Every structure is written in C-alpha cells, then in structure tokens.
C-alpha cells in the first residue's frame, strides 16, 4: 500500500500493539475494550456490512491507483476448461470429458489474446490494457499466463467460494485480490475495462457477459469492444436472433458485441476501435 506520510500523531498499529499489552483484567478481556478497527467480531457484524462493501472497493482501488493502472482488458470464461493435453478435471461423465477437452483450444486462444493485449500494454508502460481475470483456473489461468508469457503484470480478482479456490500461479502477486462480495468484485471488473473478452463458460461467464452487455445497452457504461470467442459454442447456447425477432431486444443490440474465433481476430477489433498501433512482440 502507499507509504504513510510523516505525522507526529500515533498510528493505528501503535495503538493496537499498546492495547494488546494492557494488563489482563475482566475489563480488558471484554470485547467492548477492543479498538473498533481491530475487533473482528464488530467488523464482521451485520450492522457493518456497508463499511465492508466500502473496504472491499477501496483496497483494490488504492493499490491499482498507486500502480498507475488506468485501464484493463477483462477476460471471462470457464474455470472448467483444461489446458490442452491436461485431463478435464471437472467432467462428470464421458460426454462432458470429451467436450471439455475439445474446448481446451480456447485456453490457447485466451492465452494468445492476453499476450497480444499485454504486448500493447508494454508499449504504454503497463498503465493501459492490463489483463484482468477472475484469478482462478481454466480460461482465467490462460489469461494471466498469456500476460506472464511476455513479462507483463496481470490482475486476479478472486472470490471466496464454498469449495476451495486459490489464485492461479500466473497472477501478479501484488495484484492478487480476494473478495467476499460479488458486487464489489463486479465493479472492479468493469471500472477500468477498455475491452471485455468472453470465452465459453457456465453460469458465471454468462452472468458477467450479460451484465456488461446490459450496462452498455442501457447507456450505464460507455461502449467498449465486447468479444464473444467461439462462434460454434455461442450459436448453440444463445439464440440472439430469436430475441431480436421476439422484439425483446432491438435489432441494433446485436451490434453491441462481436463474435470471433481467434486471438488475432479479437485483438483486431480492439485495435481498430481504439486506433492502436500493431503490438510488437517482446524480444
């Protein structure tokens, strides 16, 4: 975090240390005696939920702002998609195993797309177009790995789930965040987004895609390149044309996103949208 400014006043940490050295008495052992900001029971109580929302927003914001990161390229996609050549660990039957292992090609596409974004980010001193993922396995790992391939930093926005989840090993450690609230995590996904790339995935991926799409459609978010990778997957999963025919969306809403298949095809959309130079591969 940012270095503290010199001050003649005692710091919070100094007072935490001092209070812990207080004599052991019924009064000092009471939860009432704990400093409010050092009292876990108080900070995790229902009444302090609003403060926790604020803290979860501020911690990543301060760190990213301190690093000078102004914009990001967001990658969403299935945690269950394996790296090519690796087993489909999440498959529950043979059909899923076959399909997930076939979908491993998207791991490479995501990795290549993140590499292209990171090569552009390099030319901008890693202040713009920094890769951000959900920090987990599958497509998320591929995104962070693509950045690492060219020595670029990347961000991971993990969230605590009932089943164990650890950040993938390619997230830049100082940008490896962990969230309790989906809401604050969603804010950080889109707060700096200059492009959103969506790869095949499940409920979580669909949720993030439709949220970004709705924000753009309603004008609550400026239009940015919104890329759907995998024409064959998306054409089976969502019938966008049926929505337009039903009149529940405008025919023009189908122009709010681009369906692409390759990393280069996707990055070309971003490059054209922002009139970016062709990225130069790291030597």
Protein backbone atom coordinates (compact mmCIF):
# COMPACT_ATOMS: atom_id res chain seq x y z
CA UNK A 1 0.00 0.00 0.00
CA UNK A 2 1.02 3.67 -0.24
CA UNK A 3 3.78 4.76 2.10
CA UNK A 4 2.50 6.63 5.15
CA UNK A 5 3.04 10.36 5.25
CA UNK A 6 5.19 11.54 8.17
CA UNK A 7 2.98 12.56 11.10
CA UNK A 8 3.56 13.40 14.75
CA UNK A 9 0.39 11.51 15.66
CA UNK A 10 0.40 7.94 16.87
CA UNK A 11 -0.51 5.35 14.26
CA UNK A 12 -3.36 2.87 14.48
CA UNK A 13 -0.89 0.00 14.59
CA UNK A 14 0.96 1.52 17.51
CA UNK A 15 -2.27 1.72 19.47
CA UNK A 16 -3.21 -1.87 18.55
CA UNK A 17 0.16 -3.02 19.88
CA UNK A 18 -0.24 -0.92 23.05
CA UNK A 19 -3.75 -2.18 23.76
CA UNK A 20 -2.56 -5.77 23.47
CA UNK A 21 -0.03 -5.08 26.26
CA UNK A 22 -2.72 -3.89 28.66
CA UNK A 23 -3.00 -5.83 31.96
CA UNK A 24 -5.15 -8.95 31.79
CA UNK A 25 -8.32 -7.97 33.63
CA UNK A 26 -12.05 -8.65 33.12
CA UNK A 27 -12.31 -5.17 31.63
CA UNK A 28 -9.52 -5.57 29.08
CA UNK A 29 -10.76 -9.04 28.13
CA UNK A 30 -14.22 -7.72 27.28
CA UNK A 31 -14.98 -7.24 23.59
CA UNK A 32 -16.12 -3.72 24.46
CA UNK A 33 -12.49 -2.79 25.19
CA UNK A 34 -11.20 -3.76 21.75
CA UNK A 35 -10.40 -0.95 19.38
CA UNK A 36 -13.26 -0.84 16.87
CA UNK A 37 -10.99 -1.22 13.83
CA UNK A 38 -9.21 -4.20 15.42
CA UNK A 39 -12.35 -6.02 16.55
CA UNK A 40 -13.12 -8.84 14.10
CA UNK A 41 -16.48 -9.60 15.69
CA UNK A 42 -17.55 -5.99 15.26
CA UNK A 43 -16.17 -5.63 11.72
CA UNK A 44 -17.90 -8.79 10.51
CA UNK A 45 -21.24 -7.99 12.15
CA UNK A 46 -24.38 -7.43 10.07
CA UNK A 47 -24.54 -3.75 11.03
CA UNK A 48 -21.12 -3.07 9.46
CA UNK A 49 -21.92 -4.62 6.07
CA UNK A 50 -21.91 -1.21 4.36
CA UNK A 51 -18.44 -0.48 5.73
CA UNK A 52 -17.19 -3.84 4.46
CA UNK A 53 -18.53 -3.02 0.99
CA UNK A 54 -16.56 0.21 1.12
CA UNK A 55 -13.38 -1.50 2.31
CA UNK A 56 -13.60 -4.15 -0.44
CA UNK A 57 -13.96 -1.39 -3.01
CA UNK A 58 -11.15 0.76 -1.61
CA UNK A 59 -8.40 -1.81 -1.08
CA UNK A 60 -8.01 -2.83 -4.77
CA UNK A 61 -8.72 0.73 -5.89
CA UNK A 62 -5.89 2.17 -3.80
CA UNK A 63 -3.42 -0.48 -4.95
CA UNK A 64 -4.27 -0.20 -8.66
CA UNK A 65 -4.27 3.58 -8.49
CA UNK A 66 -0.89 3.54 -6.73
CA UNK A 67 0.47 1.34 -9.54
CA UNK A 68 -0.87 3.80 -12.12
CA UNK A 69 -3.09 1.23 -13.85
CA UNK A 70 -5.64 3.23 -15.80
CA UNK A 71 -7.32 0.64 -18.00
CA UNK A 72 -7.75 -3.10 -18.32
CA UNK A 73 -8.67 -5.88 -20.72
CA UNK A 74 -11.07 -8.27 -18.99
CA UNK A 75 -11.16 -12.00 -19.73
CA UNK A 76 -14.15 -14.08 -18.63
CA UNK A 77 -14.52 -17.79 -19.30
CA UNK A 78 -14.97 -21.25 -17.90
CA UNK A 79 -12.92 -22.38 -14.92
CA UNK A 80 -13.51 -25.99 -16.05
CA UNK A 81 -11.79 -25.68 -19.43
CA UNK A 82 -8.46 -27.51 -19.14
CA UNK A 83 -5.10 -26.66 -20.60
CA UNK A 84 -4.54 -28.63 -23.83
CA UNK A 85 -3.18 -32.07 -23.03
CA UNK A 86 -4.47 -31.98 -19.46
CA UNK A 87 -7.46 -34.04 -18.25
CA UNK A 88 -10.89 -32.46 -17.87
CA UNK A 89 -10.86 -32.49 -14.07
CA UNK A 90 -14.43 -31.16 -13.77
CA UNK A 91 -16.09 -33.63 -16.13
CA UNK A 92 -18.94 -35.64 -14.57
CA UNK A 93 -19.41 -38.06 -17.46
CA UNK A 94 -17.79 -39.09 -20.73
CA UNK A 95 -19.72 -36.57 -22.80
CA UNK A 96 -18.52 -33.71 -20.62
CA UNK A 97 -14.98 -35.06 -20.68
CA UNK A 98 -14.97 -35.15 -24.48
CA UNK A 99 -16.47 -31.67 -24.81
CA UNK A 100 -14.27 -30.02 -22.19
CA UNK A 101 -11.09 -31.49 -23.63
CA UNK A 102 -12.17 -30.31 -27.09
CA UNK A 103 -12.80 -26.84 -25.60
CA UNK A 104 -9.20 -26.74 -24.37
CA UNK A 105 -8.39 -24.93 -27.62
CA UNK A 106 -9.97 -21.85 -26.03
CA UNK A 107 -7.30 -21.99 -23.32
CA UNK A 108 -4.71 -21.32 -26.01
CA UNK A 109 -6.86 -18.66 -27.68
CA UNK A 110 -7.30 -16.85 -24.35
CA UNK A 111 -3.60 -17.10 -23.64
CA UNK A 112 -2.73 -15.68 -27.08
CA UNK A 113 -5.30 -12.88 -26.73
CA UNK A 114 -3.89 -11.89 -23.33
CA UNK A 115 -0.41 -11.92 -24.82
CA UNK A 116 -1.49 -9.51 -27.59
CA UNK A 117 -3.12 -7.20 -25.05
CA UNK A 118 -0.02 -7.32 -22.85
CA UNK A 119 2.31 -6.50 -25.73
CA UNK A 120 0.27 -3.36 -26.33
CA UNK A 121 0.28 -2.69 -22.58
CA UNK A 122 4.09 -2.93 -22.61
CA UNK A 123 4.28 -0.07 -25.12
CA UNK A 124 2.19 2.00 -22.70
CA UNK A 125 4.39 1.30 -19.67
CA UNK A 126 1.87 -1.26 -18.35
CA UNK A 127 -0.53 1.53 -17.43
CA UNK A 128 -3.17 0.70 -20.06
CA UNK A 129 -4.76 -2.53 -21.33
CA UNK A 130 -3.59 -4.58 -18.34
CA UNK A 131 -5.10 -8.07 -18.32
CA UNK A 132 -7.56 -8.86 -15.53
CA UNK A 133 -9.29 -12.19 -14.84
CA UNK A 134 -11.21 -13.84 -12.03
CA UNK A 135 -7.90 -15.25 -10.83
CA UNK A 136 -8.92 -18.90 -10.93
CA UNK A 137 -8.23 -21.88 -13.22
CA UNK A 138 -9.23 -22.57 -16.84
CA UNK A 139 -9.67 -19.55 -19.09
CA UNK A 140 -8.74 -17.29 -16.18
CA UNK A 141 -5.40 -19.02 -15.76
CA UNK A 142 -4.83 -18.79 -19.50
CA UNK A 143 -5.36 -15.03 -19.42
CA UNK A 144 -2.92 -14.41 -16.58
CA UNK A 145 -0.48 -16.84 -18.19
CA UNK A 146 -0.57 -15.01 -21.51
CA UNK A 147 0.45 -11.81 -19.72
CA UNK A 148 3.21 -13.64 -17.85
CA UNK A 149 4.49 -15.06 -21.15
CA UNK A 150 5.64 -11.57 -22.16
CA UNK A 151 6.69 -10.42 -18.70
CA UNK A 152 3.62 -8.26 -18.17
CA UNK A 153 1.73 -7.77 -14.92
CA UNK A 154 -1.85 -9.03 -14.65
CA UNK A 155 -4.65 -8.79 -12.14
CA UNK A 156 -6.65 -11.56 -10.47
CA UNK A 157 -9.97 -10.85 -8.75
CA UNK A 158 -10.64 -14.00 -6.76
CA UNK A 159 -13.71 -14.56 -4.62
CA UNK A 160 -14.20 -16.82 -1.63
CA UNK A 161 -16.33 -19.81 -2.65
CA UNK A 162 -17.68 -22.74 -0.63
CA UNK A 163 -15.25 -25.04 -2.41
CA UNK A 164 -11.57 -24.26 -2.12
CA UNK A 165 -10.21 -21.84 -4.71
CA UNK A 166 -6.70 -20.47 -4.81
CA UNK A 167 -5.33 -17.85 -7.21
CA UNK A 168 -3.65 -19.34 -10.24
CA UNK A 169 0.13 -19.08 -10.19
CA UNK A 170 0.32 -16.60 -13.08
CA UNK A 171 -1.43 -13.69 -11.35
CA UNK A 172 0.98 -10.91 -10.36
CA UNK A 173 1.15 -11.37 -6.55
CA UNK A 174 0.73 -7.68 -5.69
CA UNK A 175 -2.42 -7.62 -7.85
CA UNK A 176 -3.93 -10.83 -6.48
CA UNK A 177 -7.10 -9.71 -4.70
CA UNK A 178 -9.74 -11.65 -2.82
CA UNK A 179 -13.39 -10.69 -2.39
CA UNK A 180 -16.32 -11.60 -0.19
CA UNK A 181 -18.92 -9.64 -2.14
CA UNK A 182 -19.69 -10.42 -5.77
CA UNK A 183 -20.99 -6.85 -6.13
CA UNK A 184 -17.70 -5.11 -5.36
CA UNK A 185 -15.79 -7.63 -7.46
CA UNK A 186 -18.07 -6.87 -10.42
CA UNK A 187 -17.38 -3.15 -10.04
CA UNK A 188 -13.64 -3.74 -10.27
CA UNK A 189 -14.02 -5.95 -13.34
CA UNK A 190 -15.62 -3.13 -15.31
CA UNK A 191 -14.35 0.04 -13.63
CA UNK A 192 -11.26 0.27 -15.86
CA UNK A 193 -12.36 -2.03 -18.70
CA UNK A 194 -11.42 -0.96 -22.22
CA UNK A 195 -12.32 -4.36 -23.67
CA UNK A 196 -14.22 -7.41 -22.43
CA UNK A 197 -13.41 -10.84 -23.87
CA UNK A 198 -15.85 -13.64 -23.10
CA UNK A 199 -14.87 -17.26 -23.72
CA UNK A 200 -17.05 -20.37 -23.40
CA UNK A 201 -18.15 -20.93 -19.83
CA UNK A 202 -21.02 -21.59 -17.49
CA UNK A 203 -23.39 -19.58 -15.33
CA UNK A 204 -20.71 -17.23 -14.03
CA UNK A 205 -19.45 -16.42 -17.51
CA UNK A 206 -22.98 -15.84 -18.79
CA UNK A 207 -23.70 -13.61 -15.80
CA UNK A 208 -20.66 -11.42 -16.45
CA UNK A 209 -21.35 -11.22 -20.20
CA UNK A 210 -24.99 -10.22 -19.82
CA UNK A 211 -24.16 -7.72 -17.10
CA UNK A 212 -21.60 -5.94 -19.30
CA UNK A 213 -23.95 -6.15 -22.28
CA UNK A 214 -26.85 -4.70 -20.28
CA UNK A 215 -24.74 -1.83 -18.95
CA UNK A 216 -23.68 -0.93 -22.48
CA UNK A 217 -27.19 -1.40 -23.91
CA UNK A 218 -28.73 0.90 -21.29
CA UNK A 219 -26.00 3.52 -21.53
CA UNK A 220 -24.83 2.95 -17.97
CA UNK A 221 -21.40 2.10 -19.37
CA UNK A 222 -19.57 3.55 -22.33
CA UNK A 223 -19.36 1.23 -25.29
CA UNK A 224 -16.20 -0.88 -25.36
CA UNK A 225 -15.27 -3.86 -27.53
CA UNK A 226 -17.27 -6.80 -26.20
CA UNK A 227 -15.97 -10.02 -27.74
CA UNK A 228 -17.56 -13.45 -27.75
CA UNK A 229 -14.94 -16.08 -28.56
CA UNK A 230 -16.22 -19.28 -30.16
CA UNK A 231 -18.95 -18.88 -32.78
CA UNK A 232 -19.92 -22.56 -32.67
CA UNK A 233 -20.33 -22.51 -28.89
CA UNK A 234 -22.35 -19.30 -28.63
CA UNK A 235 -24.62 -20.09 -31.58
CA UNK A 236 -25.74 -23.23 -29.73
CA UNK A 237 -26.00 -21.71 -26.28
CA UNK A 238 -27.83 -18.43 -27.03
CA UNK A 239 -30.20 -17.61 -29.86
CA UNK A 240 -29.64 -13.87 -30.10
CA UNK A 241 -31.62 -13.59 -33.32
CA UNK A 242 -34.67 -15.09 -31.60
CA UNK A 243 -34.54 -12.30 -29.01
CA UNK A 244 -34.48 -9.70 -31.75
CA UNK A 245 -37.31 -11.41 -33.65
CA UNK A 246 -39.37 -11.55 -30.47
CA UNK A 247 -38.88 -7.83 -30.05
CA UNK A 248 -37.44 -8.18 -26.54
CA UNK A 249 -34.23 -6.52 -27.75
CA UNK A 250 -33.60 -4.05 -30.55
CA UNK A 251 -32.17 -5.44 -33.81
CA UNK A 252 -29.34 -2.92 -33.33
CA UNK A 253 -28.45 -4.56 -29.99
CA UNK A 254 -26.87 -7.40 -31.97
CA UNK A 255 -24.17 -4.89 -32.97
CA UNK A 256 -23.09 -4.31 -29.36
CA UNK A 257 -20.78 -7.33 -29.43
CA UNK A 258 -18.53 -9.16 -31.88
CA UNK A 259 -18.33 -12.93 -32.30
CA UNK A 260 -14.78 -14.01 -33.08
CA UNK A 261 -12.79 -17.23 -33.13
CA UNK A 262 -9.08 -16.38 -32.97
CA UNK A 263 -6.98 -14.23 -30.70
CA UNK A 264 -5.82 -12.08 -33.59
CA UNK A 265 -9.35 -11.60 -34.86
CA UNK A 266 -10.41 -10.45 -31.39
CA UNK A 267 -7.48 -8.10 -30.90
CA UNK A 268 -8.04 -6.63 -34.37
CA UNK A 269 -11.46 -5.45 -33.13
CA UNK A 270 -9.86 -3.76 -30.12
CA UNK A 271 -7.05 -2.33 -32.21
CA UNK A 272 -9.46 -0.81 -34.72
CA UNK A 273 -11.81 0.54 -32.02
CA UNK A 274 -9.00 2.49 -30.33
CA UNK A 275 -6.82 3.06 -33.42
CA UNK A 276 -3.94 1.28 -31.69
CA UNK A 277 -0.58 0.51 -33.31
CA UNK A 278 0.24 -3.12 -34.05
CA UNK A 279 1.81 -4.60 -30.90
CA UNK A 280 5.48 -5.51 -31.09
CA UNK A 281 6.40 -8.88 -29.62
CA UNK A 282 8.88 -8.80 -26.76
CA UNK A 283 12.38 -9.81 -27.75
